Amino acid sequence: MRHKHRFFEQLVSAYANDLYRYAYWLCKNVTVAEDLVQETFSRAWKALESLQDEKAAKAWLLTILRREHARLYEKYQPQLLEMDESIAMEDPEHDPQMNTERQQLYQAMLQLPEEYKEPLMLQVIWGLNGQEIAEQLDLKLATVNTRLFRARQQLKQLWDGGSATESREVVR
């Protein structure tokens, strides 16, 4: 039992911020995103014994979050809110130029069509590879790779239209 508590604490510590960013990206609402993360960890705690491979914890938590998000929208459709600029920026202790670039990248990603945005966010936020994204989205690997390629191409076009050349290095 003690190992279970310690392992769960490690999961929360390792993935809470990423889960929140992904939840916020899905619902665009701070309160709803916090609730989604809370419910994700609640369900994860109850089903912790079902996690057979600790290396799969990231994908397992992501699946729980996606299901919780789907359940939420089965019940009601909350009003979407514009993103608060402070959420888009990363840790303020980092280089201000890097924060600006991250914010520009995030804003550009929000402009992508949903079919390109979701696989790209799974790759950027979660660090999932193509096969893992394909499994999460129930798509073929070739489809995921095509969508990731097109997402990057559209990001480059968006940035060529309005950002400095230096900023584009973040995408590569």
Protein backbone atom coordinates (compact mmCIF):
# COMPACT_ATOMS: atom_id res chain seq x y z
CA MET A 1 0.00 0.00 0.00
CA ARG A 2 2.84 2.35 0.81
CA HIS A 3 4.37 1.73 -2.62
CA LYS A 4 1.00 2.58 -4.18
CA HIS A 5 0.90 5.97 -2.44
CA ARG A 6 4.47 6.79 -3.39
CA PHE A 7 3.95 5.71 -7.00
CA PHE A 8 0.77 7.76 -7.27
CA GLU A 9 2.50 10.82 -5.84
CA GLN A 10 5.20 10.39 -8.47
CA LEU A 11 2.56 10.24 -11.20
CA VAL A 12 0.91 13.42 -9.95
CA SER A 13 4.23 15.21 -9.66
CA ALA A 14 5.42 14.10 -13.09
CA TYR A 15 2.26 14.66 -15.12
CA ALA A 16 -0.05 17.18 -13.39
CA ASN A 17 1.23 20.21 -15.32
CA ASP A 18 1.13 18.46 -18.69
CA LEU A 19 -2.34 17.08 -17.98
CA TYR A 20 -3.53 20.57 -17.07
CA ARG A 21 -2.10 22.13 -20.24
CA TYR A 22 -3.70 19.42 -22.36
CA ALA A 23 -7.02 19.72 -20.51
CA TYR A 24 -6.98 23.49 -20.96
CA TRP A 25 -6.22 23.09 -24.63
CA LEU A 26 -9.20 20.75 -24.96
CA CYS A 27 -11.76 22.87 -23.12
CA LYS A 28 -10.33 26.45 -23.09
CA ASN A 29 -11.61 26.99 -19.53
CA VAL A 30 -9.38 27.19 -16.44
CA THR A 31 -11.95 25.81 -14.00
CA VAL A 32 -13.07 22.98 -16.26
CA ALA A 33 -9.44 22.05 -16.99
CA GLU A 34 -8.67 21.90 -13.27
CA ASP A 35 -11.75 19.71 -12.72
CA LEU A 36 -10.73 17.42 -15.58
CA VAL A 37 -7.26 16.93 -14.10
CA GLN A 38 -8.71 16.31 -10.65
CA GLU A 39 -11.16 13.73 -12.00
CA THR A 40 -8.40 12.13 -14.07
CA PHE A 41 -6.25 11.61 -10.99
CA SER A 42 -9.26 10.44 -8.98
CA ARG A 43 -10.04 7.77 -11.55
CA ALA A 44 -6.36 6.90 -11.88
CA TRP A 45 -6.10 6.33 -8.12
CA LYS A 46 -9.12 4.02 -8.16
CA ALA A 47 -7.76 2.04 -11.10
CA LEU A 48 -4.05 2.16 -10.26
CA GLU A 49 -3.84 -1.63 -10.05
CA SER A 50 -4.95 -1.84 -13.69
CA LEU A 51 -1.79 -0.02 -14.81
CA GLN A 52 0.33 -2.98 -15.80
CA ASP A 53 3.38 -1.19 -17.16
CA GLU A 54 4.66 1.88 -15.32
CA LYS A 55 6.27 3.07 -18.56
CA ALA A 56 2.77 3.36 -20.04
CA ALA A 57 1.57 5.72 -17.28
CA LYS A 58 1.70 8.81 -19.49
CA ALA A 59 -0.50 7.29 -22.19
CA TRP A 60 -2.78 5.75 -19.56
CA LEU A 61 -3.37 9.11 -17.86
CA LEU A 62 -3.90 10.79 -21.21
CA THR A 63 -6.54 8.22 -22.11
CA ILE A 64 -8.34 8.80 -18.80
CA LEU A 65 -8.27 12.57 -19.39
CA ARG A 66 -9.63 12.24 -22.92
CA ARG A 67 -12.46 10.00 -21.67
CA GLU A 68 -13.27 12.42 -18.86
CA HIS A 69 -13.38 15.25 -21.36
CA ALA A 70 -15.74 13.26 -23.58
CA ARG A 71 -17.99 12.49 -20.58
CA LEU A 72 -18.08 16.16 -19.71
CA TYR A 73 -19.39 17.10 -23.13
CA GLU A 74 -21.98 14.34 -23.09
CA LYS A 75 -23.56 16.16 -20.13
CA TYR A 76 -23.30 19.79 -21.20
CA GLN A 77 -21.54 22.18 -23.53
CA PRO A 78 -19.72 24.90 -21.55
CA GLN A 79 -19.09 28.29 -23.07
CA LEU A 80 -15.63 28.51 -24.59
CA LEU A 81 -13.45 31.31 -23.26
CA GLU A 82 -10.54 33.11 -24.82
CA MET A 83 -7.19 32.01 -23.48
CA ASP A 84 -5.65 34.16 -20.78
CA GLU A 85 -2.23 35.32 -21.94
CA SER A 86 -0.64 34.27 -18.67
CA ILE A 87 -1.66 30.66 -19.32
CA ALA A 88 -0.06 30.66 -22.75
CA MET A 89 3.28 31.77 -21.38
CA GLU A 90 5.56 29.26 -19.76
CA ASP A 91 7.55 29.83 -16.58
CA PRO A 92 8.19 33.59 -16.27
CA GLU A 93 11.69 32.94 -14.96
CA HIS A 94 12.79 31.85 -18.42
CA ASP A 95 14.13 34.19 -21.05
CA PRO A 96 11.42 36.72 -22.05
CA GLN A 97 12.26 36.23 -25.72
CA MET A 98 11.66 32.49 -25.37
CA ASN A 99 8.33 33.16 -23.63
CA THR A 100 7.27 35.38 -26.51
CA GLU A 101 8.25 32.71 -29.01
CA ARG A 102 6.37 30.02 -27.09
CA GLN A 103 3.32 32.22 -26.90
CA GLN A 104 3.50 32.90 -30.64
CA LEU A 105 3.88 29.20 -31.33
CA TYR A 106 0.92 28.36 -29.11
CA GLN A 107 -1.24 31.04 -30.76
CA ALA A 108 -0.26 29.76 -34.20
CA MET A 109 -1.10 26.19 -33.15
CA LEU A 110 -4.56 27.33 -32.04
CA GLN A 111 -5.22 28.54 -35.59
CA LEU A 112 -4.66 25.09 -37.09
CA PRO A 113 -7.63 22.94 -38.12
CA GLU A 114 -8.64 20.50 -35.38
CA GLU A 115 -7.46 17.45 -37.32
CA TYR A 116 -3.91 18.85 -37.38
CA LYS A 117 -3.95 20.60 -34.01
CA GLU A 118 -4.71 17.56 -31.85
CA PRO A 119 -1.90 15.27 -33.07
CA LEU A 120 0.57 18.17 -32.90
CA MET A 121 -0.46 19.02 -29.33
CA LEU A 122 -0.09 15.37 -28.32
CA GLN A 123 3.40 15.43 -29.75
CA VAL A 124 4.43 18.83 -28.34
CA ILE A 125 2.85 18.65 -24.88
CA TRP A 126 3.11 14.94 -24.23
CA GLY A 127 6.09 14.02 -26.34
CA LEU A 128 4.18 11.10 -27.85
CA ASN A 129 5.59 9.48 -30.94
CA GLY A 130 3.58 8.81 -34.08
CA GLN A 131 2.53 5.30 -33.08
CA GLU A 132 1.36 6.46 -29.63
CA ILE A 133 -0.62 9.32 -31.20
CA ALA A 134 -2.18 6.89 -33.66
CA GLU A 135 -3.29 4.67 -30.78
CA GLN A 136 -4.68 7.61 -28.78
CA LEU A 137 -6.66 9.00 -31.73
CA ASP A 138 -7.55 5.61 -33.22
CA LEU A 139 -5.89 6.48 -36.52
CA LYS A 140 -3.39 4.79 -38.80
CA LEU A 141 0.26 5.77 -38.32
CA ALA A 142 0.45 7.06 -41.89
CA THR A 143 -2.53 9.35 -41.24
CA VAL A 144 -0.91 10.72 -38.08
CA ASN A 145 2.39 11.32 -39.87
CA THR A 146 0.59 13.12 -42.69
CA ARG A 147 -1.34 15.30 -40.25
CA LEU A 148 1.81 16.15 -38.29
CA PHE A 149 3.61 17.07 -41.51
CA ARG A 150 0.72 19.25 -42.69
CA ALA A 151 0.43 20.86 -39.25
CA ARG A 152 4.09 21.86 -39.36
CA GLN A 153 3.74 23.15 -42.91
CA GLN A 154 0.74 25.29 -41.93
CA LEU A 155 2.62 26.60 -38.88
CA LYS A 156 5.50 27.63 -41.11
CA GLN A 157 3.07 29.43 -43.43
CA LEU A 158 1.45 31.20 -40.48
CA TRP A 159 4.83 32.27 -39.14
CA ASP A 160 6.14 33.38 -42.52
CA GLY A 161 3.17 35.71 -42.65
CA GLY A 162 3.85 37.47 -39.35
CA SER A 163 6.78 36.38 -37.20
CA ALA A 164 10.47 37.05 -37.15
CA THR A 165 12.79 34.50 -38.71
CA GLU A 166 14.37 33.70 -35.32
CA SER A 167 11.03 32.62 -33.90
CA ARG A 168 10.65 29.87 -36.47
CA GLU A 169 13.51 27.92 -34.91
CA VAL A 170 11.11 26.75 -32.15
CA VAL A 171 9.06 24.76 -34.68
CA ARG A 172 11.97 22.77 -36.05
